C-alpha atoms as a PDB file:
ATOM      1  CA  MET A   1       0.000   0.000   0.000  1.00  0.00           C
ATOM      2  CA  THR A   2       1.299   3.419  -0.825  1.00  0.00           C
ATOM      3  CA  ASN A   3       0.948   5.969   1.939  1.00  0.00           C
ATOM      4  CA  THR A   4      -0.502   9.125   0.411  1.00  0.00           C
ATOM      5  CA  GLN A   5      -2.225  10.529   3.501  1.00  0.00           C
ATOM      6  CA  LYS A   6      -0.233  12.817   5.766  1.00  0.00           C
ATOM      7  CA  ILE A   7      -2.520  12.080   8.732  1.00  0.00           C
ATOM      8  CA  VAL A   8      -3.441   8.430   9.351  1.00  0.00           C
ATOM      9  CA  PRO A   9      -5.682   7.315  12.234  1.00  0.00           C
ATOM     10  CA  PHE A  10      -3.747   4.956  14.509  1.00  0.00           C
ATOM     11  CA  LEU A  11      -6.025   2.624  16.478  1.00  0.00           C
ATOM     12  CA  TRP A  12      -4.785   1.001  19.707  1.00  0.00           C
ATOM     13  CA  PHE A  13      -6.256  -2.403  20.479  1.00  0.00           C
ATOM     14  CA  ASN A  14      -5.453  -4.686  23.393  1.00  0.00           C
ATOM     15  CA  HIS A  15      -4.805  -7.857  21.368  1.00  0.00           C
ATOM     16  CA  GLU A  16      -7.544  -8.007  18.727  1.00  0.00           C
ATOM     17  CA  ALA A  17      -6.173  -5.686  16.007  1.00  0.00           C
ATOM     18  CA  GLU A  18      -6.005  -8.403  13.341  1.00  0.00           C
ATOM     19  CA  GLU A  19      -9.538  -9.616  14.055  1.00  0.00           C
ATOM     20  CA  ALA A  20     -10.866  -6.036  14.052  1.00  0.00           C
ATOM     21  CA  VAL A  21      -9.100  -5.122  10.803  1.00  0.00           C
ATOM     22  CA  ASN A  22     -10.453  -8.221   9.051  1.00  0.00           C
ATOM     23  CA  PHE A  23     -13.954  -7.382  10.325  1.00  0.00           C
ATOM     24  CA  TYR A  24     -13.794  -3.737   9.205  1.00  0.00           C
ATOM     25  CA  ALA A  25     -12.337  -4.657   5.810  1.00  0.00           C
ATOM     26  CA  SER A  26     -15.245  -7.062   5.245  1.00  0.00           C
ATOM     27  CA  LEU A  27     -17.749  -4.201   5.690  1.00  0.00           C
ATOM     28  CA  PHE A  28     -16.376  -1.437   3.499  1.00  0.00           C
ATOM     29  CA  LYS A  29     -15.799  -1.218  -0.234  1.00  0.00           C
ATOM     30  CA  ASP A  30     -12.331  -0.425  -1.531  1.00  0.00           C
ATOM     31  CA  SER A  31     -10.725  -1.997   1.549  1.00  0.00           C
ATOM     32  CA  LYS A  32      -7.287  -3.583   1.697  1.00  0.00           C
ATOM     33  CA  ILE A  33      -5.071  -5.086   4.330  1.00  0.00           C
ATOM     34  CA  GLY A  34      -1.456  -4.108   3.866  1.00  0.00           C
ATOM     35  CA  THR A  35       1.737  -4.589   5.792  1.00  0.00           C
ATOM     36  CA  VAL A  36       1.608  -6.650   8.972  1.00  0.00           C
ATOM     37  CA  VAL A  37       4.472  -6.191  11.446  1.00  0.00           C
ATOM     38  CA  ARG A  38       4.933  -8.861  14.112  1.00  0.00           C
ATOM     39  CA  TYR A  39       6.505  -8.651  17.544  1.00  0.00           C
ATOM     40  CA  GLY A  40      10.016  -9.986  17.958  1.00  0.00           C
ATOM     41  CA  GLU A  41      11.704 -10.816  21.220  1.00  0.00           C
ATOM     42  CA  GLU A  42      10.780  -7.416  22.720  1.00  0.00           C
ATOM     43  CA  GLY A  43       7.476  -5.586  22.985  1.00  0.00           C
ATOM     44  CA  ALA A  44       3.990  -5.805  24.420  1.00  0.00           C
ATOM     45  CA  GLY A  45       3.077  -8.948  22.502  1.00  0.00           C
ATOM     46  CA  ALA A  46       4.333 -12.486  22.270  1.00  0.00           C
ATOM     47  CA  LYS A  47       7.018 -13.208  19.693  1.00  0.00           C
ATOM     48  CA  GLY A  48       5.305 -13.616  16.312  1.00  0.00           C
ATOM     49  CA  ALA A  49       2.046 -11.951  17.417  1.00  0.00           C
ATOM     50  CA  VAL A  50       0.723  -9.075  15.308  1.00  0.00           C
ATOM     51  CA  MET A  51       2.095  -5.701  16.417  1.00  0.00           C
ATOM     52  CA  THR A  52       0.714  -3.386  13.681  1.00  0.00           C
ATOM     53  CA  ILE A  53      -1.421  -3.743  10.579  1.00  0.00           C
ATOM     54  CA  GLU A  54      -1.759  -1.120   7.868  1.00  0.00           C
ATOM     55  CA  PHE A  55      -5.160  -1.141   6.185  1.00  0.00           C
ATOM     56  CA  GLN A  56      -7.612   0.890   4.123  1.00  0.00           C
ATOM     57  CA  LEU A  57     -11.376   1.290   4.430  1.00  0.00           C
ATOM     58  CA  ASN A  58     -13.037   3.000   1.466  1.00  0.00           C
ATOM     59  CA  GLY A  59      -9.546   4.056   0.419  1.00  0.00           C
ATOM     60  CA  GLN A  60      -8.926   5.774   3.803  1.00  0.00           C
ATOM     61  CA  GLU A  61      -5.688   4.658   5.442  1.00  0.00           C
ATOM     62  CA  PHE A  62      -5.457   3.401   9.028  1.00  0.00           C
ATOM     63  CA  ILE A  63      -2.974   1.589  11.224  1.00  0.00           C
ATOM     64  CA  ALA A  64      -4.002  -0.807  14.000  1.00  0.00           C
ATOM     65  CA  LEU A  65      -1.767  -1.743  16.917  1.00  0.00           C
ATOM     66  CA  ASN A  66      -1.936  -4.548  19.454  1.00  0.00           C
ATOM     67  CA  GLY A  67      -0.548  -2.448  22.286  1.00  0.00           C
ATOM     68  CA  GLY A  68      -1.985  -4.127  25.350  1.00  0.00           C
ATOM     69  CA  PRO A  69      -4.670  -3.103  27.838  1.00  0.00           C
ATOM     70  CA  GLU A  70      -3.194   0.256  28.929  1.00  0.00           C
ATOM     71  CA  PHE A  71      -5.474   2.389  26.728  1.00  0.00           C
ATOM     72  CA  LYS A  72      -9.123   2.104  25.706  1.00  0.00           C
ATOM     73  CA  PHE A  73     -11.187   3.818  23.031  1.00  0.00           C
ATOM     74  CA  THR A  74     -13.571   6.548  24.189  1.00  0.00           C
ATOM     75  CA  GLU A  75     -16.382   8.460  22.533  1.00  0.00           C
ATOM     76  CA  ALA A  76     -14.069  11.481  22.423  1.00  0.00           C
ATOM     77  CA  LEU A  77     -13.013  10.150  19.022  1.00  0.00           C
ATOM     78  CA  SER A  78     -15.330   8.455  16.555  1.00  0.00           C
ATOM     79  CA  LEU A  79     -15.199   7.426  12.927  1.00  0.00           C
ATOM     80  CA  PHE A  80     -17.876   9.254  10.903  1.00  0.00           C
ATOM     81  CA  ILE A  81     -19.336   7.264   8.008  1.00  0.00           C
ATOM     82  CA  LYS A  82     -21.199   9.173   5.288  1.00  0.00           C
ATOM     83  CA  CYS A  83     -23.819   6.797   3.868  1.00  0.00           C
ATOM     84  CA  GLU A  84     -25.528   7.466   0.546  1.00  0.00           C
ATOM     85  CA  THR A  85     -28.597   5.273   1.136  1.00  0.00           C
ATOM     86  CA  GLN A  86     -30.755   3.941   3.953  1.00  0.00           C
ATOM     87  CA  GLU A  87     -29.662   0.442   2.925  1.00  0.00           C
ATOM     88  CA  GLU A  88     -26.050   1.397   3.556  1.00  0.00           C
ATOM     89  CA  VAL A  89     -26.986   2.907   6.942  1.00  0.00           C
ATOM     90  CA  ASP A  90     -28.919  -0.247   7.865  1.00  0.00           C
ATOM     91  CA  HIS A  91     -26.111  -2.596   6.809  1.00  0.00           C
ATOM     92  CA  LEU A  92     -23.300  -0.746   8.567  1.00  0.00           C
ATOM     93  CA  TRP A  93     -25.396   0.002  11.675  1.00  0.00           C
ATOM     94  CA  ASP A  94     -26.400  -3.636  12.056  1.00  0.00           C
ATOM     95  CA  LYS A  95     -22.916  -5.054  11.459  1.00  0.00           C
ATOM     96  CA  LEU A  96     -20.928  -2.513  13.479  1.00  0.00           C
ATOM     97  CA  SER A  97     -23.289  -2.533  16.466  1.00  0.00           C
ATOM     98  CA  GLU A  98     -23.403  -6.342  16.664  1.00  0.00           C
ATOM     99  CA  GLY A  99     -21.816  -7.246  19.991  1.00  0.00           C
ATOM    100  CA  GLY A 100     -21.330  -3.562  20.814  1.00  0.00           C
ATOM    101  CA  GLU A 101     -23.497  -0.738  22.129  1.00  0.00           C
ATOM    102  CA  LYS A 102     -26.075   1.324  20.249  1.00  0.00           C
ATOM    103  CA  SER A 103     -26.410   4.947  21.268  1.00  0.00           C
ATOM    104  CA  GLN A 104     -28.296   7.982  19.949  1.00  0.00           C
ATOM    105  CA  CYS A 105     -28.134  10.063  16.787  1.00  0.00           C
ATOM    106  CA  GLY A 106     -26.336   7.427  14.704  1.00  0.00           C
ATOM    107  CA  TRP A 107     -23.585   6.746  17.282  1.00  0.00           C
ATOM    108  CA  LEU A 108     -22.515   3.270  18.314  1.00  0.00           C
ATOM    109  CA  LYS A 109     -19.590   1.405  19.808  1.00  0.00           C
ATOM    110  CA  ASP A 110     -18.505  -1.738  18.027  1.00  0.00           C
ATOM    111  CA  LYS A 111     -17.527  -4.954  19.798  1.00  0.00           C
ATOM    112  CA  TYR A 112     -13.950  -3.657  20.083  1.00  0.00           C
ATOM    113  CA  GLY A 113     -15.050  -0.436  21.805  1.00  0.00           C
ATOM    114  CA  LEU A 114     -14.408   1.859  18.822  1.00  0.00           C
ATOM    115  CA  SER A 115     -17.047   4.582  18.354  1.00  0.00           C
ATOM    116  CA  TRP A 116     -18.664   5.145  14.966  1.00  0.00           C
ATOM    117  CA  GLN A 117     -21.248   7.566  13.611  1.00  0.00           C
ATOM    118  CA  VAL A 118     -23.357   6.044  10.828  1.00  0.00           C
ATOM    119  CA  VAL A 119     -24.875   9.051   9.090  1.00  0.00           C
ATOM    120  CA  PRO A 120     -26.883   9.369   5.877  1.00  0.00           C
ATOM    121  CA  THR A 121     -25.714  12.202   3.639  1.00  0.00           C
ATOM    122  CA  ALA A 122     -29.393  13.215   3.398  1.00  0.00           C
ATOM    123  CA  LEU A 123     -29.218  14.304   7.055  1.00  0.00           C
ATOM    124  CA  LEU A 124     -26.239  16.544   6.362  1.00  0.00           C
ATOM    125  CA  LYS A 125     -28.029  18.146   3.418  1.00  0.00           C
ATOM    126  CA  MET A 126     -31.252  18.742   5.386  1.00  0.00           C
ATOM    127  CA  MET A 127     -29.355  20.175   8.366  1.00  0.00           C
ATOM    128  CA  ARG A 128     -27.752  22.745   6.060  1.00  0.00           C
ATOM    129  CA  ASP A 129     -31.098  23.984   4.717  1.00  0.00           C
ATOM    130  CA  LYS A 130     -31.390  27.768   4.615  1.00  0.00           C
ATOM    131  CA  ASP A 131     -34.787  27.507   6.330  1.00  0.00           C
ATOM    132  CA  PRO A 132     -33.918  27.325  10.038  1.00  0.00           C
ATOM    133  CA  GLN A 133     -37.309  25.807  10.898  1.00  0.00           C
ATOM    134  CA  ARG A 134     -36.764  22.889   8.528  1.00  0.00           C
ATOM    135  CA  ALA A 135     -33.291  22.263   9.913  1.00  0.00           C
ATOM    136  CA  LYS A 136     -34.678  22.497  13.472  1.00  0.00           C
ATOM    137  CA  ARG A 137     -37.398  19.909  12.750  1.00  0.00           C
ATOM    138  CA  VAL A 138     -34.804  17.562  11.283  1.00  0.00           C
ATOM    139  CA  MET A 139     -32.530  18.017  14.318  1.00  0.00           C
ATOM    140  CA  GLU A 140     -35.424  17.337  16.681  1.00  0.00           C
ATOM    141  CA  ALA A 141     -36.340  14.173  14.767  1.00  0.00           C
ATOM    142  CA  MET A 142     -32.730  12.960  14.743  1.00  0.00           C
ATOM    143  CA  MET A 143     -32.351  13.527  18.492  1.00  0.00           C
ATOM    144  CA  LYS A 144     -35.090  10.923  19.097  1.00  0.00           C
ATOM    145  CA  MET A 145     -33.351   8.245  17.033  1.00  0.00           C
ATOM    146  CA  SER A 146     -30.748   5.624  17.671  1.00  0.00           C
ATOM    147  CA  LYS A 147     -30.163   4.419  14.092  1.00  0.00           C
ATOM    148  CA  ILE A 148     -30.943   7.294  11.734  1.00  0.00           C
ATOM    149  CA  GLU A 149     -33.949   6.726   9.483  1.00  0.00           C
ATOM    150  CA  VAL A 150     -33.995   8.898   6.363  1.00  0.00           C
ATOM    151  CA  SER A 151     -37.778   8.554   5.866  1.00  0.00           C
ATOM    152  CA  VAL A 152     -38.448   9.993   9.343  1.00  0.00           C
ATOM    153  CA  LEU A 153     -36.029  12.853   8.668  1.00  0.00           C
ATOM    154  CA  GLU A 154     -37.763  13.570   5.359  1.00  0.00           C
ATOM    155  CA  GLU A 155     -41.161  13.673   7.088  1.00  0.00           C
ATOM    156  CA  ALA A 156     -39.837  16.227   9.578  1.00  0.00           C
ATOM    157  CA  TYR A 157     -38.111  18.188   6.816  1.00  0.00           C
ATOM    158  CA  ASN A 158     -41.260  18.369   4.676  1.00  0.00           C
ATOM    159  CA  ALA A 159     -43.738  18.979   7.509  1.00  0.00           C
ATOM    160  CA  GLN A 160     -45.623  22.260   7.464  1.00  0.00           C
ATOM    161  CA  ALA A 161     -44.892  24.544  10.367  1.00  0.00           C
ATOM    162  CA  ALA A 162     -47.716  24.581  12.904  1.00  0.00           C
ATOM    163  CA  HIS A 163     -49.756  27.793  12.792  1.00  0.00           C
ATOM    164  CA  ALA A 164     -50.172  29.644  16.068  1.00  0.00           C
END
């Protein structure tokens, strides 16, 4: 893999980096697993165990490390996925949340503890509407959701403002 990105997310796992990378690569198009570096005599892992794995998801470069239990993922950093269709949202939401934790507004933690936001591009477009009332209705609808449903957002977006 050629490294063209200047900034590459580096993900610290306890000991499941290889499993996680294989799982993520199975979910995203244009994914590749690149160089795998293994521990030698020294380091946090057993000799021959995976230390780092370079990989790509949708062409985006990442590196995963088996660094031991010292550090855990938190919601302070999440991976934001722009989905073009509800089918894509459904697929990624279902697969990534399996064995993890579902939250609100398209957020979830996968079974490895990594936080993701599974977001339809339709939401981004509606939230940028020049009509502040439309954008507000969409925001209010989204705040009630776990997995984001485009049809519910569209209903809120297209609703007529209540007359006083």
